[in-house]
Protein backbone atom coordinates (compact mmCIF):
# COMPACT_ATOMS: atom_id res chain seq x y z
CA MET A 1 54.69 -13.29 29.14
CA SER A 2 56.77 -14.53 26.24
CA ALA A 3 56.37 -16.62 23.12
CA LYS A 4 59.15 -18.70 21.65
CA THR A 5 59.96 -19.61 18.07
CA ILE A 6 62.68 -22.06 17.07
CA ILE A 7 64.65 -20.70 14.14
CA LYS A 8 67.20 -22.86 12.32
CA ASN A 9 70.15 -21.59 10.24
CA VAL A 10 69.09 -17.99 10.23
CA THR A 11 71.68 -16.27 12.42
CA ALA A 12 74.83 -14.62 11.10
CA ASP A 13 78.12 -16.55 10.95
CA PRO A 14 80.20 -16.48 14.15
CA PRO A 15 83.33 -14.30 13.84
CA GLY A 16 86.16 -16.15 12.04
CA ASP A 17 83.97 -19.13 11.06
CA THR A 18 84.40 -19.68 7.30
CA GLU A 19 83.52 -23.36 7.16
CA GLN A 20 80.14 -24.92 6.44
CA ARG A 21 77.81 -24.08 9.39
CA ASP A 22 76.27 -26.86 11.40
CA ALA A 23 72.57 -26.57 12.07
CA SER A 24 72.07 -24.16 14.93
CA VAL A 25 69.06 -23.35 16.99
CA VAL A 26 68.04 -19.85 18.04
CA VAL A 27 65.11 -19.45 20.41
CA THR A 28 63.18 -16.20 19.72
CA ASP A 29 60.83 -14.78 22.35
CA ILE A 30 58.23 -12.00 22.48
CA VAL A 31 58.39 -10.34 25.84
CA MET A 32 55.41 -8.14 26.76
CA GLN A 33 55.38 -5.36 29.31
CA PRO A 34 53.34 -5.56 31.44
CA ASN A 35 53.58 -9.32 31.46
CA ALA A 36 50.03 -10.79 31.43
CA SER A 37 47.85 -13.23 29.55
CA THR A 38 44.87 -10.86 29.29
CA TYR A 39 44.81 -7.11 28.77
CA ASP A 40 42.20 -4.40 29.17
CA PRO A 41 42.10 -2.78 25.73
CA GLN A 42 40.87 0.53 27.10
CA THR A 43 43.41 1.08 29.86
CA THR A 44 46.53 -0.86 28.84
CA LEU A 45 49.07 0.08 26.19
CA PRO A 46 51.56 -2.80 26.34
CA SER A 47 55.02 -2.70 24.81
CA LEU A 48 57.02 -5.61 23.48
CA LYS A 49 60.52 -6.65 22.56
CA VAL A 50 61.85 -9.61 20.63
CA CYS A 51 64.63 -11.60 22.22
CA ALA A 52 66.87 -14.06 20.34
CA GLY A 53 68.87 -15.72 23.04
CA PRO A 54 70.42 -13.06 25.20
CA ILE A 55 69.92 -10.36 22.59
CA CYS A 56 66.62 -8.39 22.62
CA TYR A 57 65.24 -5.93 20.10
CA SER A 58 62.69 -3.19 20.73
CA THR A 59 63.30 -1.05 17.67
CA ASP A 60 62.79 -1.63 13.98
CA LEU A 61 60.04 -4.11 14.78
CA LYS A 62 57.30 -4.82 12.29
CA THR A 63 54.25 -5.74 14.31
CA LYS A 64 50.69 -6.53 13.36
CA ILE A 65 47.59 -7.83 15.12
CA LEU A 66 45.80 -10.86 13.63
CA ASP A 67 42.58 -12.65 14.47
CA ARG A 68 42.78 -15.76 16.64
CA GLN A 69 43.13 -17.99 13.56
CA GLY A 70 45.98 -15.87 12.24
CA THR A 71 44.28 -15.47 8.86
CA THR A 72 43.02 -11.88 8.98
CA VAL A 73 45.09 -8.79 9.67
CA LEU A 74 43.22 -6.57 12.10
CA ARG A 75 45.88 -3.89 12.50
CA ASP A 76 49.21 -3.32 10.75
CA GLY A 77 52.10 -0.89 10.89
CA LEU A 78 52.80 -1.24 14.61
CA SER A 79 56.22 -1.39 16.24
CA ASN A 80 56.89 -2.02 19.91
CA LYS A 81 53.81 -0.18 21.25
CA ILE A 82 50.61 -2.17 20.88
CA ASN A 83 47.31 -0.26 20.69
CA LEU A 84 44.58 -2.75 21.58
CA THR A 85 41.59 -0.41 21.31
CA ASP A 86 38.82 -0.74 18.72
CA LEU A 87 39.32 -4.46 18.19
CA GLN A 88 35.58 -4.96 18.41
CA CYS A 89 34.16 -8.40 19.16
CA ARG A 90 37.59 -10.00 19.71
CA SER A 91 38.39 -11.76 22.98
CA ILE A 92 41.62 -13.34 21.65
CA VAL A 93 44.09 -11.94 19.12
CA LEU A 94 47.55 -12.88 17.85
CA ILE A 95 50.48 -10.48 18.06
CA SER A 96 52.87 -11.09 15.19
CA THR A 97 56.24 -9.30 14.99
CA SER A 98 59.59 -9.57 13.30
CA THR A 99 62.79 -7.58 12.92
CA ASP A 100 64.42 -7.46 9.53
CA PRO A 101 67.94 -6.42 10.56
CA LYS A 102 68.60 -9.80 12.13
CA HIS A 103 66.58 -11.75 9.54
CA LEU A 104 64.45 -13.37 12.19
CA LEU A 105 61.26 -15.08 11.17
CA PRO A 106 58.01 -13.58 12.56
CA VAL A 107 57.10 -14.72 16.02
CA GLN A 108 53.50 -14.86 17.23
CA MET A 109 51.95 -14.57 20.63
CA LYS A 110 48.32 -15.09 21.64
CA ILE A 111 46.78 -12.69 24.16
CA GLY A 112 43.32 -12.23 25.60
CA LEU A 113 41.25 -9.02 25.67
CA ASN A 114 38.93 -8.35 28.57
CA PRO A 115 36.48 -6.70 28.57
CA VAL A 116 35.66 -7.37 24.94
CA GLU A 117 34.91 -4.17 23.07
CA THR A 118 31.66 -4.25 21.11
CA PHE A 119 29.90 -2.10 18.55
CA GLU A 120 27.27 -1.42 21.21
CA CYS A 121 24.50 -2.55 18.90
CA SER A 122 21.24 -1.70 20.60
CA GLU A 123 19.03 -4.42 22.04
CA ALA A 124 16.12 -2.03 22.48
CA PRO A 125 12.85 -3.11 20.84
CA ARG A 126 12.32 -1.85 17.30
CA TYR A 127 8.95 -0.42 16.27
CA VAL A 128 8.45 -0.38 12.53
CA PRO A 129 5.49 0.16 10.18
CA PRO A 130 4.44 -2.75 7.93
CA LYS A 131 6.48 -2.03 4.81
CA PRO A 132 7.68 -5.35 3.33
CA PHE A 133 10.40 -3.80 1.16
CA ARG A 134 11.85 -1.59 3.84
CA LEU A 135 15.46 -2.32 4.86
CA LEU A 136 16.24 -2.36 8.57
CA ASP A 137 19.76 -2.06 9.97
CA LEU A 138 20.79 -4.99 12.12
CA CYS A 139 23.02 -2.76 14.23
CA GLU A 140 21.74 0.53 15.60
CA SER A 141 24.14 2.22 17.98
CA GLU A 142 24.67 5.48 19.82
CA SER A 143 28.44 4.92 19.85
CA SER A 144 30.26 7.62 17.90
CA TYR A 145 32.85 5.05 16.79
CA THR A 146 30.20 2.65 15.52
CA LYS A 147 28.34 5.46 13.76
CA ALA A 148 31.55 6.38 11.95
CA VAL A 149 32.09 2.75 10.91
CA LEU A 150 28.51 2.40 9.69
CA ALA A 151 28.76 5.63 7.72
CA ASN A 152 31.82 4.40 5.79
CA ALA A 153 30.89 1.70 3.29
CA THR A 154 34.37 0.12 3.23
CA ALA A 155 34.79 0.12 7.01
CA ARG A 156 31.23 -1.13 7.47
CA THR A 157 31.72 -4.07 5.10
CA ARG A 158 35.03 -5.05 6.69
CA ALA A 159 33.86 -4.76 10.29
CA PHE A 160 30.69 -6.82 9.77
CA ALA A 161 31.97 -9.24 7.13
CA ASN A 162 31.39 -12.30 9.34
CA LEU A 163 28.02 -11.23 10.73
CA THR A 164 25.33 -13.90 10.90
CA CYS A 165 21.76 -13.34 12.07
CA ASN A 166 18.64 -15.43 12.39
CA SER A 167 15.01 -14.91 13.32
CA ASN A 168 12.15 -16.93 14.78
CA LYS A 169 9.91 -15.34 12.13
CA PRO A 170 9.65 -17.18 8.80
CA GLY A 171 10.23 -14.99 5.78
CA VAL A 172 12.73 -12.56 7.32
CA ARG A 173 15.66 -12.14 4.90
CA PHE A 174 19.17 -10.92 5.70
CA THR A 175 21.53 -9.10 3.35
CA GLY A 176 24.83 -7.90 4.76
CA LEU A 177 24.01 -5.64 7.67
CA THR A 178 20.34 -5.24 6.77
CA MET A 179 17.16 -7.28 7.02
CA HIS A 180 13.92 -7.37 5.04
CA LEU A 181 10.50 -7.81 6.62
CA PRO A 182 8.40 -10.72 5.37
CA GLU A 183 6.26 -9.81 2.40
CA GLN A 184 3.15 -11.14 4.13
CA MET A 185 2.51 -11.28 7.85
CA GLU A 186 -0.15 -10.57 10.41
CA ILE A 187 -0.41 -7.04 11.77
CA PRO A 188 0.56 -6.51 14.52
CA SER A 189 3.46 -8.95 14.57
CA VAL A 190 6.29 -9.45 17.09
CA PHE A 191 9.46 -11.50 16.55
CA GLU A 192 13.12 -11.70 17.60
CA ILE A 193 16.38 -11.17 15.74
CA ARG A 194 19.63 -12.73 17.05
CA CYS A 195 23.00 -11.71 15.66
CA PHE A 196 26.52 -13.13 16.06
CA LEU A 197 29.80 -11.45 15.15
CA HIS A 198 32.96 -13.21 16.39
CA ASP A 199 32.68 -12.90 20.18
CA CYS A 200 29.73 -10.47 20.15
CA ARG A 201 26.11 -11.47 20.61
CA TRP A 202 23.06 -9.25 20.55
CA MET A 203 19.35 -9.65 20.05
CA PHE A 204 16.39 -7.35 19.70
CA GLN A 205 12.65 -7.58 19.32
CA VAL A 206 10.87 -6.27 16.24
CA ASN A 207 7.33 -4.95 16.65
CA VAL A 208 5.60 -4.48 13.32
CA ASP A 209 2.47 -2.38 13.66
CA ARG A 210 0.78 0.63 12.15
CA ASP A 211 1.53 4.00 13.65
CA LYS A 212 -1.02 5.42 16.06
CA LEU A 213 -2.51 8.89 16.32
CA LYS A 214 -2.48 10.46 19.76
CA LEU A 215 -4.88 13.29 20.58
CA ILE A 216 -4.11 15.99 23.11
CA PRO A 217 -6.20 16.36 25.18
CA ILE A 218 -7.37 12.77 25.18
CA LYS A 219 -11.04 12.23 26.02
CA ILE A 220 -13.58 9.47 25.56
CA GLY A 221 -15.91 12.04 24.04
CA ASN A 222 -14.92 15.40 22.62
CA ASP A 223 -17.19 18.31 23.43
CA LEU A 224 -17.90 20.08 20.15
CA VAL A 225 -18.56 23.39 21.82
CA PHE A 226 -15.17 23.72 23.46
CA ASP A 227 -12.76 21.16 22.09
CA ALA A 228 -9.93 21.33 19.64
CA VAL A 229 -7.18 18.74 19.58
CA SER A 230 -3.46 18.69 18.91
CA LEU A 231 -2.07 15.63 17.19
CA GLN A 232 0.98 13.43 17.61
CA ILE A 233 1.98 10.37 15.61
CA CYS A 234 3.26 7.51 17.78
CA ARG A 235 5.39 4.55 16.81
CA GLY A 236 5.57 2.34 19.85
CA PRO A 237 6.46 4.52 22.86
CA LYS A 238 7.94 7.29 20.69
CA CYS A 239 5.62 10.15 19.69
CA TRP A 240 6.29 13.28 17.69
CA ALA A 241 4.35 16.40 16.77
CA GLY A 242 3.65 17.82 13.32
CA PRO A 243 3.09 19.75 11.25
CA PHE A 244 0.99 17.14 9.50
CA ASN A 245 -1.46 17.22 6.61
CA THR A 246 -4.68 16.45 8.45
CA SER A 247 -8.12 15.52 7.17
CA ILE A 248 -11.45 14.76 8.82
CA LEU A 249 -13.68 12.08 7.31
CA ASP A 250 -17.05 10.73 8.36
CA THR A 251 -17.74 7.05 8.94
CA ASN A 252 -18.46 6.55 5.23
CA ASN A 253 -15.08 8.07 4.39
CA HIS A 254 -16.65 11.23 2.98
CA LEU A 255 -14.16 14.07 3.28
CA LEU A 256 -15.49 16.77 5.62
CA ARG A 257 -12.31 18.85 5.85
CA GLY A 258 -8.99 18.44 4.12
CA ASN A 259 -5.46 19.85 4.05
CA LEU A 260 -5.58 21.10 7.61
CA THR A 261 -2.06 22.21 8.49
CA LYS A 262 -2.66 24.42 11.52
CA GLU A 263 -3.04 23.16 15.05
CA PRO A 264 -4.99 22.67 17.13
CA VAL A 265 -7.59 21.02 14.90
CA SER A 266 -11.08 22.32 15.65
CA LEU A 267 -13.93 19.85 16.09
CA ARG A 268 -16.63 22.46 15.66
CA GLY A 269 -18.99 22.42 12.73
CA LEU A 270 -18.95 18.65 12.18
CA TYR A 271 -22.72 18.68 11.93
CA CYS A 272 -24.71 15.53 12.65
CA ARG A 273 -21.58 13.40 13.07
CA ASN A 274 -21.24 11.43 16.28
CA GLU A 275 -18.11 9.70 15.02
CA VAL A 276 -15.39 10.90 12.66
CA HIS A 277 -11.97 9.76 11.47
CA LEU A 278 -8.96 12.01 11.94
CA VAL A 279 -6.28 11.21 9.35
CA ALA A 280 -2.81 12.73 9.69
CA GLN A 281 0.12 12.32 7.33
CA GLU A 282 3.64 13.62 7.57
CA LYS A 283 4.75 15.82 4.71
CA ASP A 284 7.16 13.12 3.57
CA VAL A 285 5.49 11.74 0.44
CA GLU A 286 6.38 8.16 1.45
CA ALA A 287 4.79 8.47 4.88
CA GLU A 288 1.72 6.39 5.52
CA PRO A 289 -1.43 8.23 6.68
CA VAL A 290 -2.37 7.51 10.28
CA ARG A 291 -6.02 7.24 11.25
CA HIS A 292 -7.81 7.64 14.56
CA THR A 293 -11.56 7.38 15.19
CA ILE A 294 -13.11 9.67 17.79
CA GLN A 295 -16.56 9.95 19.29
CA LEU A 296 -18.26 13.36 19.31
CA TYR A 297 -20.70 14.19 22.04
CA PRO A 298 -23.04 15.95 22.03
CA VAL A 299 -23.83 15.78 18.32
CA GLU A 300 -23.86 19.23 16.77
CA GLN A 301 -27.31 19.64 15.22
CA LEU A 302 -28.30 21.38 12.00
CA ASN A 303 -31.62 22.46 13.51
CA CYS A 304 -33.52 22.03 10.26
CA SER A 305 -37.00 23.50 10.53
CA GLN A 306 -39.78 21.09 11.45
CA THR A 307 -42.43 23.68 10.64
CA ASP A 308 -45.48 22.63 8.62
CA ILE A 309 -45.29 23.66 4.96
CA TYR A 310 -48.40 24.82 3.08
CA ILE A 311 -48.36 24.79 -0.70
CA THR A 312 -50.82 25.60 -3.45
CA PRO A 313 -51.45 23.23 -6.37
CA ALA A 314 -49.47 25.59 -8.57
CA SER A 315 -46.39 25.34 -6.34
CA ALA A 316 -46.68 21.57 -5.81
CA THR A 317 -44.47 20.93 -8.82
CA LYS A 318 -41.61 23.08 -7.49
CA PRO A 319 -38.66 21.58 -5.54
CA ILE A 320 -39.04 21.88 -1.78
CA PRO A 321 -35.92 22.15 0.44
CA LEU A 322 -35.23 19.19 2.70
CA CYS A 323 -33.66 21.42 5.31
CA SER A 324 -34.90 24.94 5.96
CA PHE A 325 -32.12 26.27 8.17
CA THR A 326 -33.32 28.15 11.22
CA SER A 327 -29.91 29.80 11.64
CA ALA A 328 -28.79 32.62 9.37
CA GLN A 329 -25.18 31.51 9.88
CA LEU A 330 -25.99 27.98 8.72
CA ARG A 331 -27.91 29.33 5.74
CA ASP A 332 -24.84 31.30 4.68
CA THR A 333 -22.55 28.30 5.26
CA PHE A 334 -24.64 25.87 3.26
CA ASP A 335 -25.32 28.28 0.42
CA ASN A 336 -21.99 26.99 -0.82
CA GLU A 337 -22.91 24.00 -2.98
CA ASP A 338 -19.67 22.13 -2.29
CA VAL A 339 -20.05 22.50 1.47
CA TYR A 340 -23.68 21.43 1.28
CA ASN A 341 -22.93 18.38 -0.85
CA THR A 342 -20.09 17.38 1.46
CA PHE A 343 -22.10 17.45 4.66
CA PHE A 344 -25.35 16.15 3.21
CA GLU A 345 -23.73 13.17 1.54
CA GLY A 346 -25.63 10.19 2.87
CA ILE A 347 -28.89 11.95 3.75
CA GLN A 348 -31.85 9.57 3.83
CA CYS A 349 -35.44 10.81 3.56
CA THR A 350 -38.77 9.03 3.31
CA SER A 351 -42.25 10.22 2.45
CA SER A 352 -45.64 9.00 3.55
CA VAL A 353 -46.66 9.18 -0.11
CA PRO A 354 -44.99 6.84 -2.61
CA GLY A 355 -43.36 8.45 -5.63
CA THR A 356 -41.79 11.37 -3.79
CA ARG A 357 -38.31 11.93 -5.24
CA PHE A 358 -35.32 13.17 -3.26
CA THR A 359 -32.00 14.79 -4.05
CA LYS A 360 -29.46 15.91 -1.48
CA ARG A 361 -31.09 19.32 -1.23
CA HIS A 362 -34.71 19.05 -2.39
CA LEU A 363 -37.73 16.83 -2.66
CA GLN A 364 -40.16 16.67 -5.55
CA LEU A 365 -43.75 15.67 -4.87
CA PRO A 366 -45.27 13.06 -7.18
CA THR A 367 -47.07 14.65 -10.10
CA ASP A 368 -49.49 11.77 -10.50
CA ASN A 369 -50.99 12.29 -7.08
CA LEU A 370 -51.75 15.96 -7.04
CA SER A 371 -55.02 15.38 -5.24
CA LYS A 372 -53.24 14.12 -2.12
CA GLN A 373 -53.69 16.74 0.55
CA ASN A 374 -50.78 16.13 2.98
CA TYR A 375 -47.38 14.47 3.21
CA THR A 376 -45.12 13.54 6.13
CA ILE A 377 -41.40 13.77 5.37
CA ASP A 378 -38.86 12.10 7.65
CA CYS A 379 -35.13 12.80 7.14
CA LYS A 380 -32.04 11.36 8.75
CA LEU A 381 -28.43 12.46 8.38
CA TYR A 382 -26.13 10.50 10.67
CA GLY A 383 -26.92 11.80 14.17
CA CYS A 384 -29.51 14.35 13.02
CA ARG A 385 -33.17 13.57 12.45
CA TRP A 386 -36.06 15.86 11.62
CA GLU A 387 -39.60 15.61 10.37
CA PHE A 388 -41.99 18.03 8.72
CA ARG A 389 -45.38 17.94 7.07
CA ILE A 390 -46.51 19.33 3.74
CA PHE A 391 -50.14 20.39 3.30
CA LYS A 392 -51.59 21.04 -0.10
CA GLN A 393 -54.21 23.78 0.01
CA PRO A 394 -56.61 25.16 -2.65
CA GLU A 395 -55.79 28.55 -4.02
CA SER A 396 -58.33 30.29 -1.85
CA ALA A 397 -58.47 33.99 -1.52
CA CYS A 398 -56.74 33.72 1.82
CA ILE A 399 -53.79 31.84 0.35
CA VAL A 400 -53.55 34.31 -2.55
CA CYS A 401 -53.58 37.21 -0.13
CA CYS A 402 -50.92 35.56 1.98
CA CYS A 403 -48.77 35.05 -1.12
CA ILE A 404 -49.09 38.69 -2.13
CA PHE A 405 -48.24 39.65 1.42
CA LEU A 406 -45.14 37.44 1.39
CA HIS A 407 -43.80 38.95 -1.80
CA VAL A 408 -44.53 42.58 -1.05
CA HIS A 409 -44.16 43.03 2.70
CA LYS A 410 -41.23 40.90 3.93
CA LEU A 411 -40.64 43.20 6.86
CA TRP A 412 -44.22 42.84 8.03
CA LEU A 413 -43.90 39.08 7.63
CA SER A 414 -40.98 39.14 10.02
CA LEU A 415 -43.09 41.00 12.54
CA LEU A 416 -45.91 38.57 11.93
CA GLY A 417 -43.52 35.70 12.68
CA GLN A 418 -42.55 37.30 15.96
CA TRP A 419 -46.20 37.69 16.84
CA ALA A 420 -46.85 34.04 15.91
CA ARG A 421 -44.01 32.84 18.10
CA GLY A 422 -45.46 34.88 20.90
CA LEU A 423 -48.78 33.10 20.44
CA MET A 424 -47.08 29.71 20.50
CA ASN A 425 -45.18 30.56 23.64
CA SER A 426 -48.40 31.69 25.25
CA GLY A 427 -49.99 28.30 24.60
CA SER A 428 -52.69 29.62 22.29
CA GLY A 429 -52.40 26.59 20.03
CA PHE A 430 -51.10 28.57 17.06
CA LYS A 431 -48.64 26.50 14.93
CA SER A 432 -45.86 28.05 12.84
CA GLN A 433 -46.35 27.62 9.12
CA ILE A 434 -44.39 28.04 5.87
CA ILE A 435 -46.44 28.96 2.83
CA TYR A 436 -45.21 28.19 -0.73
CA CYS A 437 -47.04 30.16 -3.43
């Protein structure tokens, strides 16, 4: 293939000609080897020569590659060997060359490139959290060449100077090679981005949604006796493991456990809760916490005593515990005031007698109704519910004796309790009692 340029009055004088030159015409050609109209930029390294009439030149050439309009230099400093690689998004280019020794004007030749090299910008769906001020790159690529271009600010600006993109989502803004999410939009939201750069076209889908928390193992209900769970944060189909800062909250957002960094996360000891929120956050301070609600079955009970309580008039003014723990382990656990207040946040108790006052830990009988002989107390804490009765007894000799016995002979009281339980199990009709003196 060749290109011709008509040059007037630019050749040297013929030998012996000293008179005024007449206008002469020199036809200048570019001759490419191999001779073709289209070249594969990856496999072909064409060479060229410039011919002016019968005389051809292949040395001392000054060659450059221009865009199809001839306005932008894509590559300079070439000679007779033409490297056509890395002319991304160009299907047609102009070869421009000249040779100074013969004072020939530049000659241009248009050639095609096929296949067109691209920046291999990914068309895979993007999954992003809803952060309106977050910048998203319009070209994500696994190509090492493209990564190098994107990492160099000057090369990046030059390569993508003519990039144009649009979206079917109102409010999406484009700046250079980045885009901004709309400041307000529904969550989740899905929309498309289409980009054009010379002869390149690519599009991708943007899925804006909150990250999800994946539990391993995954169950509809998590058995409190056996289960612990490992956590992964998922953004679309991509999931990754921690370590995370993990917390467990109840349905009223009361913190049950915080700053859990070890895995797996145990689900034991979440008393009375049939539903909790697991909240995990990456250690990056800008990371959004990710929440997942799980059902707990069976509900782990506190086993608060439902034994009848007997009090004397003198002790009726003293606070009475709402939950008398039947387990020594639970008693030790909830002796800690912070732990108790955390788990008993939200306790609801009622009394059969108006005027009974309740705190998280105790009840106080009404002082204006000291003649009332019995009370029924009903308490509820999420998935736990218990009931007990309070009987007010006169300070009879029997009660006084029992009080002395309680204070002086605790060991014998323990034996007495074992004997009482034996009577109950035998069906004798004996009912366990607590006596407040």
